[in-house]
Amino acid sequence: VTRYGKTWIMVPESFRINVTGKLPRGVYAKDIMLRLAGMIKSDQAIYKSLEFRGATIESLSMAGRMTITSMGVDVGAKPAIMETDEHTKEFLAGFNREEDYREIKGDENAQYERMI
């Protein structure tokens, strides 16, 4: 007999981080996260969801985007996410995985705990 229990998952509050402007020469995606870490205290993003948007994020390569999302844990966040777009499609196409593309867009009416 197989029994299934209950799994409780806490849905984290969200921070929306808008990043705009052209990155100066010698400034990279990692620097965006280091700047964010300097803006928030070490305990403010624990168990939060970080949602990155803005023209700067849209202009980043997939490597840059992965750098930012993988560093979310460094500020205590559970997920760090970005919208999908043409860069995402091209990245998947490079692995013959075009059929795996899913459009992910933020809800313009979402309520955020904090906007940066």
C-alpha atoms as a PDB file:
ATOM      1  CA  VAL A   1       0.000   0.000   0.000  1.00  0.00           C
ATOM      2  CA  THR A   2       1.397   3.347  -1.045  1.00  0.00           C
ATOM      3  CA  ARG A   3       0.418   6.304   1.070  1.00  0.00           C
ATOM      4  CA  TYR A   4       0.833   9.882   0.100  1.00  0.00           C
ATOM      5  CA  GLY A   5       1.311  12.585   2.660  1.00  0.00           C
ATOM      6  CA  LYS A   6       1.003  16.300   2.358  1.00  0.00           C
ATOM      7  CA  THR A   7       3.735  18.612   1.252  1.00  0.00           C
ATOM      8  CA  TRP A   8       3.605  22.171   2.486  1.00  0.00           C
ATOM      9  CA  ILE A   9       5.358  24.780   0.423  1.00  0.00           C
ATOM     10  CA  MET A  10       5.668  28.368   1.496  1.00  0.00           C
ATOM     11  CA  VAL A  11       5.203  30.711  -1.455  1.00  0.00           C
ATOM     12  CA  PRO A  12       7.828  33.429  -1.077  1.00  0.00           C
ATOM     13  CA  GLU A  13       7.160  37.141  -1.204  1.00  0.00           C
ATOM     14  CA  SER A  14       8.670  38.800  -4.276  1.00  0.00           C
ATOM     15  CA  PHE A  15      11.107  41.586  -4.934  1.00  0.00           C
ATOM     16  CA  ARG A  16      10.987  43.152  -8.386  1.00  0.00           C
ATOM     17  CA  ILE A  17      14.390  44.393  -9.461  1.00  0.00           C
ATOM     18  CA  ASN A  18      14.326  46.762 -12.455  1.00  0.00           C
ATOM     19  CA  VAL A  19      17.704  47.149 -14.115  1.00  0.00           C
ATOM     20  CA  THR A  20      18.045  49.819 -16.784  1.00  0.00           C
ATOM     21  CA  GLY A  21      20.871  51.567 -18.572  1.00  0.00           C
ATOM     22  CA  LYS A  22      23.850  50.453 -20.583  1.00  0.00           C
ATOM     23  CA  LEU A  23      26.523  48.635 -18.621  1.00  0.00           C
ATOM     24  CA  PRO A  24      29.828  50.517 -18.769  1.00  0.00           C
ATOM     25  CA  ARG A  25      32.870  48.758 -20.181  1.00  0.00           C
ATOM     26  CA  GLY A  26      34.225  46.281 -17.662  1.00  0.00           C
ATOM     27  CA  VAL A  27      30.889  45.926 -15.813  1.00  0.00           C
ATOM     28  CA  TYR A  28      29.200  42.539 -16.098  1.00  0.00           C
ATOM     29  CA  ALA A  29      26.176  40.595 -14.876  1.00  0.00           C
ATOM     30  CA  LYS A  30      27.967  39.542 -11.701  1.00  0.00           C
ATOM     31  CA  ASP A  31      28.434  43.220 -10.868  1.00  0.00           C
ATOM     32  CA  ILE A  32      24.663  43.715 -11.014  1.00  0.00           C
ATOM     33  CA  MET A  33      24.230  41.090  -8.304  1.00  0.00           C
ATOM     34  CA  LEU A  34      27.103  42.443  -6.238  1.00  0.00           C
ATOM     35  CA  ARG A  35      25.495  45.887  -6.367  1.00  0.00           C
ATOM     36  CA  LEU A  36      22.133  44.407  -5.370  1.00  0.00           C
ATOM     37  CA  ALA A  37      23.775  42.592  -2.447  1.00  0.00           C
ATOM     38  CA  GLY A  38      25.186  45.935  -1.329  1.00  0.00           C
ATOM     39  CA  MET A  39      21.752  47.573  -1.534  1.00  0.00           C
ATOM     40  CA  ILE A  40      19.905  45.038   0.582  1.00  0.00           C
ATOM     41  CA  LYS A  41      20.910  43.838   4.006  1.00  0.00           C
ATOM     42  CA  SER A  42      22.052  40.259   4.310  1.00  0.00           C
ATOM     43  CA  ASP A  43      18.782  39.115   5.857  1.00  0.00           C
ATOM     44  CA  GLN A  44      16.261  41.062   3.729  1.00  0.00           C
ATOM     45  CA  ALA A  45      16.003  38.619   0.810  1.00  0.00           C
ATOM     46  CA  ILE A  46      15.942  35.376   2.780  1.00  0.00           C
ATOM     47  CA  TYR A  47      13.253  33.105   1.321  1.00  0.00           C
ATOM     48  CA  LYS A  48      12.190  35.783  -1.169  1.00  0.00           C
ATOM     49  CA  SER A  49      11.666  35.505  -4.902  1.00  0.00           C
ATOM     50  CA  LEU A  50      13.728  37.900  -7.013  1.00  0.00           C
ATOM     51  CA  GLU A  51      12.197  38.933 -10.335  1.00  0.00           C
ATOM     52  CA  PHE A  52      14.596  40.761 -12.652  1.00  0.00           C
ATOM     53  CA  ARG A  53      13.306  43.020 -15.414  1.00  0.00           C
ATOM     54  CA  GLY A  54      14.412  45.981 -17.490  1.00  0.00           C
ATOM     55  CA  ALA A  55      16.274  46.856 -20.641  1.00  0.00           C
ATOM     56  CA  THR A  56      19.642  45.904 -19.150  1.00  0.00           C
ATOM     57  CA  ILE A  57      18.410  42.419 -18.298  1.00  0.00           C
ATOM     58  CA  GLU A  58      16.922  42.041 -21.787  1.00  0.00           C
ATOM     59  CA  SER A  59      20.282  42.942 -23.330  1.00  0.00           C
ATOM     60  CA  LEU A  60      22.250  40.337 -21.368  1.00  0.00           C
ATOM     61  CA  SER A  61      23.504  37.132 -22.918  1.00  0.00           C
ATOM     62  CA  MET A  62      22.173  33.865 -21.540  1.00  0.00           C
ATOM     63  CA  ALA A  63      25.464  33.420 -19.669  1.00  0.00           C
ATOM     64  CA  GLY A  64      24.918  36.789 -17.993  1.00  0.00           C
ATOM     65  CA  ARG A  65      21.341  35.912 -17.125  1.00  0.00           C
ATOM     66  CA  MET A  66      22.408  32.583 -15.658  1.00  0.00           C
ATOM     67  CA  THR A  67      25.062  34.344 -13.611  1.00  0.00           C
ATOM     68  CA  ILE A  68      22.457  36.603 -12.036  1.00  0.00           C
ATOM     69  CA  THR A  69      19.882  33.899 -11.402  1.00  0.00           C
ATOM     70  CA  SER A  70      22.436  31.502  -9.931  1.00  0.00           C
ATOM     71  CA  MET A  71      23.653  34.206  -7.544  1.00  0.00           C
ATOM     72  CA  GLY A  72      20.167  34.739  -6.113  1.00  0.00           C
ATOM     73  CA  VAL A  73      20.985  32.205  -3.428  1.00  0.00           C
ATOM     74  CA  ASP A  74      23.927  34.382  -2.371  1.00  0.00           C
ATOM     75  CA  VAL A  75      21.482  37.001  -1.076  1.00  0.00           C
ATOM     76  CA  GLY A  76      19.220  34.381   0.503  1.00  0.00           C
ATOM     77  CA  ALA A  77      16.571  34.177  -2.217  1.00  0.00           C
ATOM     78  CA  LYS A  78      14.879  30.936  -3.164  1.00  0.00           C
ATOM     79  CA  PRO A  79      14.250  31.641  -6.869  1.00  0.00           C
ATOM     80  CA  ALA A  80      15.709  34.375  -9.044  1.00  0.00           C
ATOM     81  CA  ILE A  81      13.820  34.601 -12.319  1.00  0.00           C
ATOM     82  CA  MET A  82      13.635  36.536 -15.594  1.00  0.00           C
ATOM     83  CA  GLU A  83      11.148  36.682 -18.423  1.00  0.00           C
ATOM     84  CA  THR A  84      11.798  34.526 -21.461  1.00  0.00           C
ATOM     85  CA  ASP A  85      12.383  36.138 -24.858  1.00  0.00           C
ATOM     86  CA  GLU A  86      14.207  35.773 -28.183  1.00  0.00           C
ATOM     87  CA  HIS A  87      17.536  35.208 -26.384  1.00  0.00           C
ATOM     88  CA  THR A  88      15.930  32.262 -24.616  1.00  0.00           C
ATOM     89  CA  LYS A  89      14.627  30.832 -27.893  1.00  0.00           C
ATOM     90  CA  GLU A  90      18.041  31.151 -29.546  1.00  0.00           C
ATOM     91  CA  PHE A  91      19.739  29.508 -26.575  1.00  0.00           C
ATOM     92  CA  LEU A  92      17.383  26.528 -26.700  1.00  0.00           C
ATOM     93  CA  ALA A  93      17.777  26.277 -30.480  1.00  0.00           C
ATOM     94  CA  GLY A  94      21.514  25.825 -29.956  1.00  0.00           C
ATOM     95  CA  PHE A  95      20.667  22.568 -28.173  1.00  0.00           C
ATOM     96  CA  ASN A  96      17.925  21.533 -30.641  1.00  0.00           C
ATOM     97  CA  ARG A  97      15.343  22.173 -27.919  1.00  0.00           C
ATOM     98  CA  GLU A  98      13.143  24.811 -29.570  1.00  0.00           C
ATOM     99  CA  GLU A  99      10.051  22.827 -28.571  1.00  0.00           C
ATOM    100  CA  ASP A 100      10.928  23.352 -24.898  1.00  0.00           C
ATOM    101  CA  TYR A 101      10.485  27.128 -25.100  1.00  0.00           C
ATOM    102  CA  ARG A 102       7.739  28.515 -22.884  1.00  0.00           C
ATOM    103  CA  GLU A 103       6.832  32.156 -22.679  1.00  0.00           C
ATOM    104  CA  ILE A 104       7.150  33.427 -19.136  1.00  0.00           C
ATOM    105  CA  LYS A 105       6.047  36.987 -18.502  1.00  0.00           C
ATOM    106  CA  GLY A 106       5.634  38.855 -15.265  1.00  0.00           C
ATOM    107  CA  ASP A 107       2.206  39.962 -14.171  1.00  0.00           C
ATOM    108  CA  GLU A 108       2.016  43.732 -14.533  1.00  0.00           C
ATOM    109  CA  ASN A 109      -0.562  43.825 -11.727  1.00  0.00           C
ATOM    110  CA  ALA A 110       1.498  41.741  -9.297  1.00  0.00           C
ATOM    111  CA  GLN A 111       1.997  42.933  -5.762  1.00  0.00           C
ATOM    112  CA  TYR A 112       5.634  43.064  -4.687  1.00  0.00           C
ATOM    113  CA  GLU A 113       7.005  43.291  -1.209  1.00  0.00           C
ATOM    114  CA  ARG A 114       9.729  45.550  -2.512  1.00  0.00           C
ATOM    115  CA  MET A 115      10.683  47.208  -5.777  1.00  0.00           C
ATOM    116  CA  ILE A 116      14.318  48.080  -6.423  1.00  0.00           C
END
